[in-house]
């Protein structure tokens, strides 16, 4: 490469690797799982804004979290494949032979640069601020919105000039019985030092019973219901220089209220 060459013109970004054709085929493959096995429903998309949007969700289901497949299936069914759905993801999924598959279907490494580029390009970016802390929350706390104090998503939305779309899901955390995040266990076996992993979750499920990630239990066919809430224009509601903690508290409040409503409408665990 010559000194005058612009690397951005020769090196594709994570965002430009999205393949709408492959994504459409994948949606066809996973629809029997989301619609059949999990009887999923996605509500509230009539409120969804045009252009770039940051979807902020609670994360459920442990190793087999279905939040993204359920939302993406509903989103693409309604809006087609002209606007990509990106998911900010841990670097670990971009290692090994499946890395390129994930990149082409909208998963991008979770950093501010990728989020900003995806949002400014008009894409829909899904983020789960609670990450693994949220997805492995104990069953006793399954109805609680808890991001573990992480608020970076607010600044990402403000910097890109896009609305936040809160999204809540119920049912995923019923796929097995989550007993503990296992933070003490991760520290004991030094996973926090070796892999930057702070939890080693302990759960009980089918067919192996007690599990600390392995052996891998099969998720129960729990009914998953997802609701996209009306968009929040952060600058319009909180000013040009918003208090990040205030915005985060508001987002979690509207999400908690919506999750409580879904819980009241749910008759039985797993069955929905």
C-alpha atoms as a PDB file:
ATOM      1  CA  UNK A   1       0.000   0.000   0.000  1.00  0.00           C
ATOM      2  CA  UNK A   2       1.286   3.469  -0.899  1.00  0.00           C
ATOM      3  CA  UNK A   3       1.747   6.064   1.807  1.00  0.00           C
ATOM      4  CA  UNK A   4      -1.056   8.145   0.279  1.00  0.00           C
ATOM      5  CA  UNK A   5      -3.567   5.304   0.331  1.00  0.00           C
ATOM      6  CA  UNK A   6      -6.467   5.551   2.751  1.00  0.00           C
ATOM      7  CA  UNK A   7      -6.675   2.271   4.693  1.00  0.00           C
ATOM      8  CA  UNK A   8     -10.418   2.763   5.090  1.00  0.00           C
ATOM      9  CA  UNK A   9     -10.773   2.436   1.314  1.00  0.00           C
ATOM     10  CA  UNK A  10      -8.989  -0.927   1.172  1.00  0.00           C
ATOM     11  CA  UNK A  11      -9.890  -2.593   4.460  1.00  0.00           C
ATOM     12  CA  UNK A  12     -13.571  -3.423   4.906  1.00  0.00           C
ATOM     13  CA  UNK A  13     -15.028  -2.473   8.260  1.00  0.00           C
ATOM     14  CA  UNK A  14     -17.028  -4.847  10.429  1.00  0.00           C
ATOM     15  CA  UNK A  15     -20.191  -3.047   9.342  1.00  0.00           C
ATOM     16  CA  UNK A  16     -19.658  -3.501   5.605  1.00  0.00           C
ATOM     17  CA  UNK A  17     -19.357  -7.286   5.940  1.00  0.00           C
ATOM     18  CA  UNK A  18     -23.108  -7.726   6.467  1.00  0.00           C
ATOM     19  CA  UNK A  19     -24.585  -9.990   3.777  1.00  0.00           C
ATOM     20  CA  UNK A  20     -28.347  -9.473   3.333  1.00  0.00           C
ATOM     21  CA  UNK A  21     -28.750 -12.573   1.167  1.00  0.00           C
ATOM     22  CA  UNK A  22     -27.087 -14.864   3.701  1.00  0.00           C
ATOM     23  CA  UNK A  23     -28.985 -13.176   6.534  1.00  0.00           C
ATOM     24  CA  UNK A  24     -32.300 -13.847   4.795  1.00  0.00           C
ATOM     25  CA  UNK A  25     -31.408 -17.514   4.364  1.00  0.00           C
ATOM     26  CA  UNK A  26     -30.387 -17.780   8.008  1.00  0.00           C
ATOM     27  CA  UNK A  27     -33.681 -16.227   9.099  1.00  0.00           C
ATOM     28  CA  UNK A  28     -35.404 -18.978   7.151  1.00  0.00           C
ATOM     29  CA  UNK A  29     -33.369 -21.601   8.998  1.00  0.00           C
ATOM     30  CA  UNK A  30     -33.988 -20.251  12.483  1.00  0.00           C
ATOM     31  CA  UNK A  31     -37.669 -19.342  12.047  1.00  0.00           C
ATOM     32  CA  UNK A  32     -38.804 -22.913  12.898  1.00  0.00           C
ATOM     33  CA  UNK A  33     -36.878 -22.598  16.174  1.00  0.00           C
ATOM     34  CA  UNK A  34     -38.119 -19.134  17.136  1.00  0.00           C
ATOM     35  CA  UNK A  35     -41.704 -19.567  15.889  1.00  0.00           C
ATOM     36  CA  UNK A  36     -42.077 -23.297  16.457  1.00  0.00           C
ATOM     37  CA  UNK A  37     -39.976 -24.386  19.417  1.00  0.00           C
ATOM     38  CA  UNK A  38     -40.233 -21.083  21.308  1.00  0.00           C
ATOM     39  CA  UNK A  39     -43.594 -19.868  19.903  1.00  0.00           C
ATOM     40  CA  UNK A  40     -42.086 -16.398  19.829  1.00  0.00           C
ATOM     41  CA  UNK A  41     -44.011 -13.151  19.485  1.00  0.00           C
ATOM     42  CA  UNK A  42     -42.596  -9.696  18.762  1.00  0.00           C
ATOM     43  CA  UNK A  43     -44.776  -6.685  19.561  1.00  0.00           C
ATOM     44  CA  UNK A  44     -44.365  -2.934  19.271  1.00  0.00           C
ATOM     45  CA  UNK A  45     -42.567  -2.738  15.929  1.00  0.00           C
ATOM     46  CA  UNK A  46     -45.189  -0.263  14.741  1.00  0.00           C
ATOM     47  CA  UNK A  47     -43.388   2.287  16.945  1.00  0.00           C
ATOM     48  CA  UNK A  48     -39.986   1.574  15.432  1.00  0.00           C
ATOM     49  CA  UNK A  49     -38.256   4.706  14.056  1.00  0.00           C
ATOM     50  CA  UNK A  50     -36.686   4.965  10.594  1.00  0.00           C
ATOM     51  CA  UNK A  51     -32.924   5.171  10.168  1.00  0.00           C
ATOM     52  CA  UNK A  52     -30.321   4.329  12.754  1.00  0.00           C
ATOM     53  CA  UNK A  53     -31.557   3.185  16.148  1.00  0.00           C
ATOM     54  CA  UNK A  54     -29.962   1.705  19.248  1.00  0.00           C
ATOM     55  CA  UNK A  55     -32.044  -1.174  20.599  1.00  0.00           C
ATOM     56  CA  UNK A  56     -31.334  -1.705  24.300  1.00  0.00           C
ATOM     57  CA  UNK A  57     -32.557  -5.000  25.696  1.00  0.00           C
ATOM     58  CA  UNK A  58     -32.507  -7.311  28.668  1.00  0.00           C
ATOM     59  CA  UNK A  59     -30.592 -10.505  27.951  1.00  0.00           C
ATOM     60  CA  UNK A  60     -31.955 -13.957  28.795  1.00  0.00           C
ATOM     61  CA  UNK A  61     -31.334 -17.647  28.260  1.00  0.00           C
ATOM     62  CA  UNK A  62     -27.733 -18.280  29.189  1.00  0.00           C
ATOM     63  CA  UNK A  63     -25.672 -20.101  26.563  1.00  0.00           C
ATOM     64  CA  UNK A  64     -28.691 -20.352  24.242  1.00  0.00           C
ATOM     65  CA  UNK A  65     -29.952 -16.773  24.480  1.00  0.00           C
ATOM     66  CA  UNK A  66     -32.655 -16.274  21.851  1.00  0.00           C
ATOM     67  CA  UNK A  67     -33.137 -12.511  22.185  1.00  0.00           C
ATOM     68  CA  UNK A  68     -31.433 -11.624  18.902  1.00  0.00           C
ATOM     69  CA  UNK A  69     -32.954 -14.422  16.768  1.00  0.00           C
ATOM     70  CA  UNK A  70     -36.451 -13.624  18.072  1.00  0.00           C
ATOM     71  CA  UNK A  71     -36.119  -9.871  17.513  1.00  0.00           C
ATOM     72  CA  UNK A  72     -34.373 -10.221  14.140  1.00  0.00           C
ATOM     73  CA  UNK A  73     -36.982 -12.666  12.862  1.00  0.00           C
ATOM     74  CA  UNK A  74     -39.769 -10.243  13.730  1.00  0.00           C
ATOM     75  CA  UNK A  75     -37.903  -7.167  12.492  1.00  0.00           C
ATOM     76  CA  UNK A  76     -36.968  -8.593   9.091  1.00  0.00           C
ATOM     77  CA  UNK A  77     -40.456 -10.003   8.589  1.00  0.00           C
ATOM     78  CA  UNK A  78     -41.897  -6.513   9.019  1.00  0.00           C
ATOM     79  CA  UNK A  79     -39.249  -4.324   7.375  1.00  0.00           C
ATOM     80  CA  UNK A  80     -37.418  -6.581   4.927  1.00  0.00           C
ATOM     81  CA  UNK A  81     -33.655  -6.717   4.395  1.00  0.00           C
ATOM     82  CA  UNK A  82     -32.861  -3.164   3.309  1.00  0.00           C
ATOM     83  CA  UNK A  83     -31.824  -2.145   6.829  1.00  0.00           C
ATOM     84  CA  UNK A  84     -29.410  -4.434   8.691  1.00  0.00           C
ATOM     85  CA  UNK A  85     -29.715  -5.519  12.294  1.00  0.00           C
ATOM     86  CA  UNK A  86     -26.286  -5.451  13.943  1.00  0.00           C
ATOM     87  CA  UNK A  87     -25.529  -6.967  17.332  1.00  0.00           C
ATOM     88  CA  UNK A  88     -22.649  -5.747  19.480  1.00  0.00           C
ATOM     89  CA  UNK A  89     -20.921  -8.952  20.554  1.00  0.00           C
ATOM     90  CA  UNK A  90     -18.048 -10.293  22.650  1.00  0.00           C
ATOM     91  CA  UNK A  91     -14.777 -10.838  20.774  1.00  0.00           C
ATOM     92  CA  UNK A  92     -14.863 -14.555  21.548  1.00  0.00           C
ATOM     93  CA  UNK A  93     -17.430 -15.276  18.815  1.00  0.00           C
ATOM     94  CA  UNK A  94     -15.059 -13.850  16.194  1.00  0.00           C
ATOM     95  CA  UNK A  95     -12.512 -16.596  16.736  1.00  0.00           C
ATOM     96  CA  UNK A  96     -12.519 -19.952  14.995  1.00  0.00           C
ATOM     97  CA  UNK A  97     -14.165 -21.173  11.790  1.00  0.00           C
ATOM     98  CA  UNK A  98     -17.580 -19.568  12.422  1.00  0.00           C
ATOM     99  CA  UNK A  99     -16.221 -16.012  12.782  1.00  0.00           C
ATOM    100  CA  UNK A 100     -16.933 -15.003   9.183  1.00  0.00           C
ATOM    101  CA  UNK A 101     -20.477 -16.385   9.388  1.00  0.00           C
ATOM    102  CA  UNK A 102     -21.239 -14.202  12.397  1.00  0.00           C
ATOM    103  CA  UNK A 103     -19.764 -11.117  10.718  1.00  0.00           C
ATOM    104  CA  UNK A 104     -21.852 -11.632   7.592  1.00  0.00           C
ATOM    105  CA  UNK A 105     -25.071 -12.019   9.574  1.00  0.00           C
ATOM    106  CA  UNK A 106     -24.718  -8.781  11.518  1.00  0.00           C
ATOM    107  CA  UNK A 107     -22.635  -9.530  14.593  1.00  0.00           C
ATOM    108  CA  UNK A 108     -19.931  -6.911  15.158  1.00  0.00           C
ATOM    109  CA  UNK A 109     -17.267  -6.567  17.859  1.00  0.00           C
ATOM    110  CA  UNK A 110     -18.575  -4.505  20.742  1.00  0.00           C
ATOM    111  CA  UNK A 111     -16.688  -1.213  20.683  1.00  0.00           C
ATOM    112  CA  UNK A 112     -17.656   2.432  20.310  1.00  0.00           C
ATOM    113  CA  UNK A 113     -16.199   2.753  16.809  1.00  0.00           C
ATOM    114  CA  UNK A 114     -18.268  -0.111  15.381  1.00  0.00           C
ATOM    115  CA  UNK A 115     -21.420   1.045  17.156  1.00  0.00           C
ATOM    116  CA  UNK A 116     -21.001   4.587  15.846  1.00  0.00           C
ATOM    117  CA  UNK A 117     -20.360   3.479  12.269  1.00  0.00           C
ATOM    118  CA  UNK A 118     -23.305   1.073  12.247  1.00  0.00           C
ATOM    119  CA  UNK A 119     -25.701   3.639  13.711  1.00  0.00           C
ATOM    120  CA  UNK A 120     -24.599   6.439  11.389  1.00  0.00           C
ATOM    121  CA  UNK A 121     -25.014   4.114   8.395  1.00  0.00           C
ATOM    122  CA  UNK A 122     -28.722   3.784   9.226  1.00  0.00           C
ATOM    123  CA  UNK A 123     -28.444   0.345  10.776  1.00  0.00           C
ATOM    124  CA  UNK A 124     -30.295  -0.997  13.781  1.00  0.00           C
ATOM    125  CA  UNK A 125     -27.813  -1.859  16.523  1.00  0.00           C
ATOM    126  CA  UNK A 126     -28.806  -4.242  19.307  1.00  0.00           C
ATOM    127  CA  UNK A 127     -26.952  -3.996  22.594  1.00  0.00           C
ATOM    128  CA  UNK A 128     -27.399  -5.850  25.853  1.00  0.00           C
ATOM    129  CA  UNK A 129     -25.671  -3.596  28.402  1.00  0.00           C
ATOM    130  CA  UNK A 130     -25.873  -6.279  31.090  1.00  0.00           C
ATOM    131  CA  UNK A 131     -24.056  -8.799  28.898  1.00  0.00           C
ATOM    132  CA  UNK A 132     -23.146 -12.085  30.564  1.00  0.00           C
ATOM    133  CA  UNK A 133     -24.018 -10.585  33.959  1.00  0.00           C
ATOM    134  CA  UNK A 134     -27.618 -10.223  32.786  1.00  0.00           C
ATOM    135  CA  UNK A 135     -27.989 -13.348  30.649  1.00  0.00           C
ATOM    136  CA  UNK A 136     -26.994 -15.593  33.563  1.00  0.00           C
ATOM    137  CA  UNK A 137     -28.977 -13.774  36.259  1.00  0.00           C
ATOM    138  CA  UNK A 138     -30.462 -16.189  38.799  1.00  0.00           C
ATOM    139  CA  UNK A 139     -34.011 -17.373  38.172  1.00  0.00           C
ATOM    140  CA  UNK A 140     -35.046 -15.625  41.390  1.00  0.00           C
ATOM    141  CA  UNK A 141     -34.184 -12.316  39.686  1.00  0.00           C
ATOM    142  CA  UNK A 142     -35.440 -13.181  36.198  1.00  0.00           C
ATOM    143  CA  UNK A 143     -37.979 -10.337  36.238  1.00  0.00           C
ATOM    144  CA  UNK A 144     -35.445  -7.630  37.122  1.00  0.00           C
ATOM    145  CA  UNK A 145     -33.832  -5.202  34.684  1.00  0.00           C
ATOM    146  CA  UNK A 146     -30.204  -5.015  35.817  1.00  0.00           C
ATOM    147  CA  UNK A 147     -27.359  -3.856  33.586  1.00  0.00           C
ATOM    148  CA  UNK A 148     -24.742  -4.236  36.292  1.00  0.00           C
ATOM    149  CA  UNK A 149     -24.101  -0.482  36.302  1.00  0.00           C
ATOM    150  CA  UNK A 150     -23.104  -0.323  32.620  1.00  0.00           C
ATOM    151  CA  UNK A 151     -24.202   2.924  30.953  1.00  0.00           C
ATOM    152  CA  UNK A 152     -21.980   3.259  27.870  1.00  0.00           C
ATOM    153  CA  UNK A 153     -24.944   2.685  25.569  1.00  0.00           C
ATOM    154  CA  UNK A 154     -26.333   6.133  26.442  1.00  0.00           C
ATOM    155  CA  UNK A 155     -23.249   7.916  25.147  1.00  0.00           C
ATOM    156  CA  UNK A 156     -23.251   5.719  22.015  1.00  0.00           C
ATOM    157  CA  UNK A 157     -26.772   6.879  21.140  1.00  0.00           C
ATOM    158  CA  UNK A 158     -26.005  10.540  21.853  1.00  0.00           C
ATOM    159  CA  UNK A 159     -22.751  10.518  19.865  1.00  0.00           C
ATOM    160  CA  UNK A 160     -24.444   8.978  16.819  1.00  0.00           C
ATOM    161  CA  UNK A 161     -27.534  11.178  17.125  1.00  0.00           C
ATOM    162  CA  UNK A 162     -29.968   8.264  17.141  1.00  0.00           C
ATOM    163  CA  UNK A 163     -32.868   7.305  19.423  1.00  0.00           C
ATOM    164  CA  UNK A 164     -32.764   4.559  22.013  1.00  0.00           C
ATOM    165  CA  UNK A 165     -35.398   1.857  21.495  1.00  0.00           C
ATOM    166  CA  UNK A 166     -35.883  -0.049  24.763  1.00  0.00           C
ATOM    167  CA  UNK A 167     -36.780  -3.707  24.240  1.00  0.00           C
ATOM    168  CA  UNK A 168     -37.905  -6.261  26.818  1.00  0.00           C
ATOM    169  CA  UNK A 169     -38.287 -10.015  26.560  1.00  0.00           C
ATOM    170  CA  UNK A 170     -39.805 -12.604  28.838  1.00  0.00           C
ATOM    171  CA  UNK A 171     -39.518 -16.390  28.777  1.00  0.00           C
ATOM    172  CA  UNK A 172     -35.886 -16.879  27.853  1.00  0.00           C
ATOM    173  CA  UNK A 173     -34.746 -17.145  31.454  1.00  0.00           C
ATOM    174  CA  UNK A 174     -37.152 -20.060  31.942  1.00  0.00           C
ATOM    175  CA  UNK A 175     -35.131 -22.287  29.586  1.00  0.00           C
ATOM    176  CA  UNK A 176     -33.491 -23.792  32.661  1.00  0.00           C
ATOM    177  CA  UNK A 177     -33.127 -23.073  36.358  1.00  0.00           C
ATOM    178  CA  UNK A 178     -30.329 -20.542  36.845  1.00  0.00           C
ATOM    179  CA  UNK A 179     -28.906 -20.912  40.349  1.00  0.00           C
ATOM    180  CA  UNK A 180     -25.916 -18.559  40.475  1.00  0.00           C
ATOM    181  CA  UNK A 181     -23.702 -16.426  38.247  1.00  0.00           C
ATOM    182  CA  UNK A 182     -20.781 -18.256  39.847  1.00  0.00           C
ATOM    183  CA  UNK A 183     -18.569 -15.189  40.185  1.00  0.00           C
ATOM    184  CA  UNK A 184     -16.770 -16.851  43.099  1.00  0.00           C
ATOM    185  CA  UNK A 185     -16.183 -19.977  40.995  1.00  0.00           C
ATOM    186  CA  UNK A 186     -14.759 -18.030  38.045  1.00  0.00           C
ATOM    187  CA  UNK A 187     -12.341 -16.330  40.393  1.00  0.00           C
ATOM    188  CA  UNK A 188     -11.381 -19.632  42.040  1.00  0.00           C
ATOM    189  CA  UNK A 189     -10.409 -21.229  38.710  1.00  0.00           C
ATOM    190  CA  UNK A 190      -8.808 -17.972  37.496  1.00  0.00           C
ATOM    191  CA  UNK A 191     -11.076 -17.478  34.496  1.00  0.00           C
ATOM    192  CA  UNK A 192     -11.022 -13.759  35.247  1.00  0.00           C
ATOM    193  CA  UNK A 193      -7.261 -13.786  34.623  1.00  0.00           C
ATOM    194  CA  UNK A 194      -7.128 -16.258  31.727  1.00  0.00           C
ATOM    195  CA  UNK A 195     -10.139 -15.239  29.616  1.00  0.00           C
ATOM    196  CA  UNK A 196     -11.353 -11.978  31.195  1.00  0.00           C
ATOM    197  CA  UNK A 197     -14.477 -13.919  32.200  1.00  0.00           C
ATOM    198  CA  UNK A 198     -15.888 -12.936  35.579  1.00  0.00           C
ATOM    199  CA  UNK A 199     -18.658 -15.528  35.889  1.00  0.00           C
ATOM    200  CA  UNK A 200     -18.972 -19.314  35.709  1.00  0.00           C
ATOM    201  CA  UNK A 201     -22.726 -19.807  35.943  1.00  0.00           C
ATOM    202  CA  UNK A 202     -24.324 -22.717  37.727  1.00  0.00           C
ATOM    203  CA  UNK A 203     -27.694 -23.975  36.508  1.00  0.00           C
ATOM    204  CA  UNK A 204     -29.987 -26.988  36.578  1.00  0.00           C
ATOM    205  CA  UNK A 205     -31.632 -28.329  33.445  1.00  0.00           C
ATOM    206  CA  UNK A 206     -32.351 -31.189  31.076  1.00  0.00           C
ATOM    207  CA  UNK A 207     -30.920 -33.799  30.565  1.00  0.00           C
ATOM    208  CA  UNK A 208     -27.790 -33.541  32.742  1.00  0.00           C
ATOM    209  CA  UNK A 209     -29.139 -31.738  35.781  1.00  0.00           C
ATOM    210  CA  UNK A 210     -26.520 -29.618  37.520  1.00  0.00           C
ATOM    211  CA  UNK A 211     -24.237 -27.736  35.140  1.00  0.00           C
ATOM    212  CA  UNK A 212     -21.483 -25.130  35.355  1.00  0.00           C
ATOM    213  CA  UNK A 213     -21.766 -24.317  31.613  1.00  0.00           C
ATOM    214  CA  UNK A 214     -20.744 -27.921  30.935  1.00  0.00           C
ATOM    215  CA  UNK A 215     -22.319 -30.379  30.543  1.00  0.00           C
ATOM    216  CA  UNK A 216     -24.548 -28.413  28.203  1.00  0.00           C
ATOM    217  CA  UNK A 217     -28.250 -28.779  28.967  1.00  0.00           C
ATOM    218  CA  UNK A 218     -30.949 -28.458  26.307  1.00  0.00           C
ATOM    219  CA  UNK A 219     -33.083 -25.305  26.683  1.00  0.00           C
ATOM    220  CA  UNK A 220     -36.738 -25.974  27.452  1.00  0.00           C
ATOM    221  CA  UNK A 221     -39.305 -24.978  24.774  1.00  0.00           C
ATOM    222  CA  UNK A 222     -40.301 -21.866  26.683  1.00  0.00           C
ATOM    223  CA  UNK A 223     -42.549 -19.296  25.038  1.00  0.00           C
ATOM    224  CA  UNK A 224     -40.635 -16.060  24.394  1.00  0.00           C
ATOM    225  CA  UNK A 225     -42.448 -12.742  24.073  1.00  0.00           C
ATOM    226  CA  UNK A 226     -40.552  -9.609  23.046  1.00  0.00           C
ATOM    227  CA  UNK A 227     -41.824  -6.044  23.068  1.00  0.00           C
ATOM    228  CA  UNK A 228     -40.152  -3.046  21.431  1.00  0.00           C
ATOM    229  CA  UNK A 229     -41.062   0.135  23.302  1.00  0.00           C
ATOM    230  CA  UNK A 230     -41.523   3.659  21.888  1.00  0.00           C
ATOM    231  CA  UNK A 231     -38.201   5.326  20.995  1.00  0.00           C
ATOM    232  CA  UNK A 232     -36.485   7.731  23.372  1.00  0.00           C
ATOM    233  CA  UNK A 233     -34.927  10.842  21.812  1.00  0.00           C
ATOM    234  CA  UNK A 234     -32.255  11.465  24.426  1.00  0.00           C
ATOM    235  CA  UNK A 235     -31.361  15.024  23.388  1.00  0.00           C
ATOM    236  CA  UNK A 236     -35.003  16.096  23.048  1.00  0.00           C
ATOM    237  CA  UNK A 237     -35.916  14.698  26.469  1.00  0.00           C
ATOM    238  CA  UNK A 238     -32.716  15.317  28.445  1.00  0.00           C
ATOM    239  CA  UNK A 239     -30.868  18.134  26.633  1.00  0.00           C
ATOM    240  CA  UNK A 240     -27.674  18.469  24.597  1.00  0.00           C
ATOM    241  CA  UNK A 241     -25.473  17.353  27.489  1.00  0.00           C
ATOM    242  CA  UNK A 242     -27.604  14.743  29.251  1.00  0.00           C
ATOM    243  CA  UNK A 243     -26.791  13.242  32.592  1.00  0.00           C
ATOM    244  CA  UNK A 244     -25.898   9.678  31.572  1.00  0.00           C
ATOM    245  CA  UNK A 245     -27.003   8.183  34.883  1.00  0.00           C
ATOM    246  CA  UNK A 246     -30.358   9.980  34.638  1.00  0.00           C
ATOM    247  CA  UNK A 247     -30.967   8.666  31.132  1.00  0.00           C
ATOM    248  CA  UNK A 248     -29.937   5.151  32.149  1.00  0.00           C
ATOM    249  CA  UNK A 249     -32.305   5.239  35.131  1.00  0.00           C
ATOM    250  CA  UNK A 250     -35.150   6.352  32.846  1.00  0.00           C
ATOM    251  CA  UNK A 251     -34.450   3.608  30.286  1.00  0.00           C
ATOM    252  CA  UNK A 252     -34.354   0.933  32.969  1.00  0.00           C
ATOM    253  CA  UNK A 253     -37.529   2.325  34.520  1.00  0.00           C
ATOM    254  CA  UNK A 254     -39.583   2.106  31.313  1.00  0.00           C
ATOM    255  CA  UNK A 255     -38.138  -1.346  30.630  1.00  0.00           C
ATOM    256  CA  UNK A 256     -38.958  -2.577  34.124  1.00  0.00           C
ATOM    257  CA  UNK A 257     -42.519  -1.310  33.822  1.00  0.00           C
ATOM    258  CA  UNK A 258     -42.968  -3.080  30.481  1.00  0.00           C
ATOM    259  CA  UNK A 259     -41.381  -6.307  31.751  1.00  0.00           C
ATOM    260  CA  UNK A 260     -43.702  -6.258  34.767  1.00  0.00           C
ATOM    261  CA  UNK A 261     -46.665  -5.946  32.378  1.00  0.00           C
ATOM    262  CA  UNK A 262     -45.463  -8.946  30.373  1.00  0.00           C
ATOM    263  CA  UNK A 263     -45.009 -10.920  33.591  1.00  0.00           C
ATOM    264  CA  UNK A 264     -48.557 -10.165  34.722  1.00  0.00           C
ATOM    265  CA  UNK A 265     -49.905 -11.366  31.379  1.00  0.00           C
ATOM    266  CA  UNK A 266     -47.919 -14.630  31.583  1.00  0.00           C
ATOM    267  CA  UNK A 267     -50.010 -17.451  32.988  1.00  0.00           C
ATOM    268  CA  UNK A 268     -47.465 -20.232  33.486  1.00  0.00           C
ATOM    269  CA  UNK A 269     -43.678 -20.633  33.257  1.00  0.00           C
ATOM    270  CA  UNK A 270     -42.427 -22.204  30.009  1.00  0.00           C
ATOM    271  CA  UNK A 271     -45.974 -22.559  28.626  1.00  0.00           C
ATOM    272  CA  UNK A 272     -46.497 -18.796  28.556  1.00  0.00           C
END
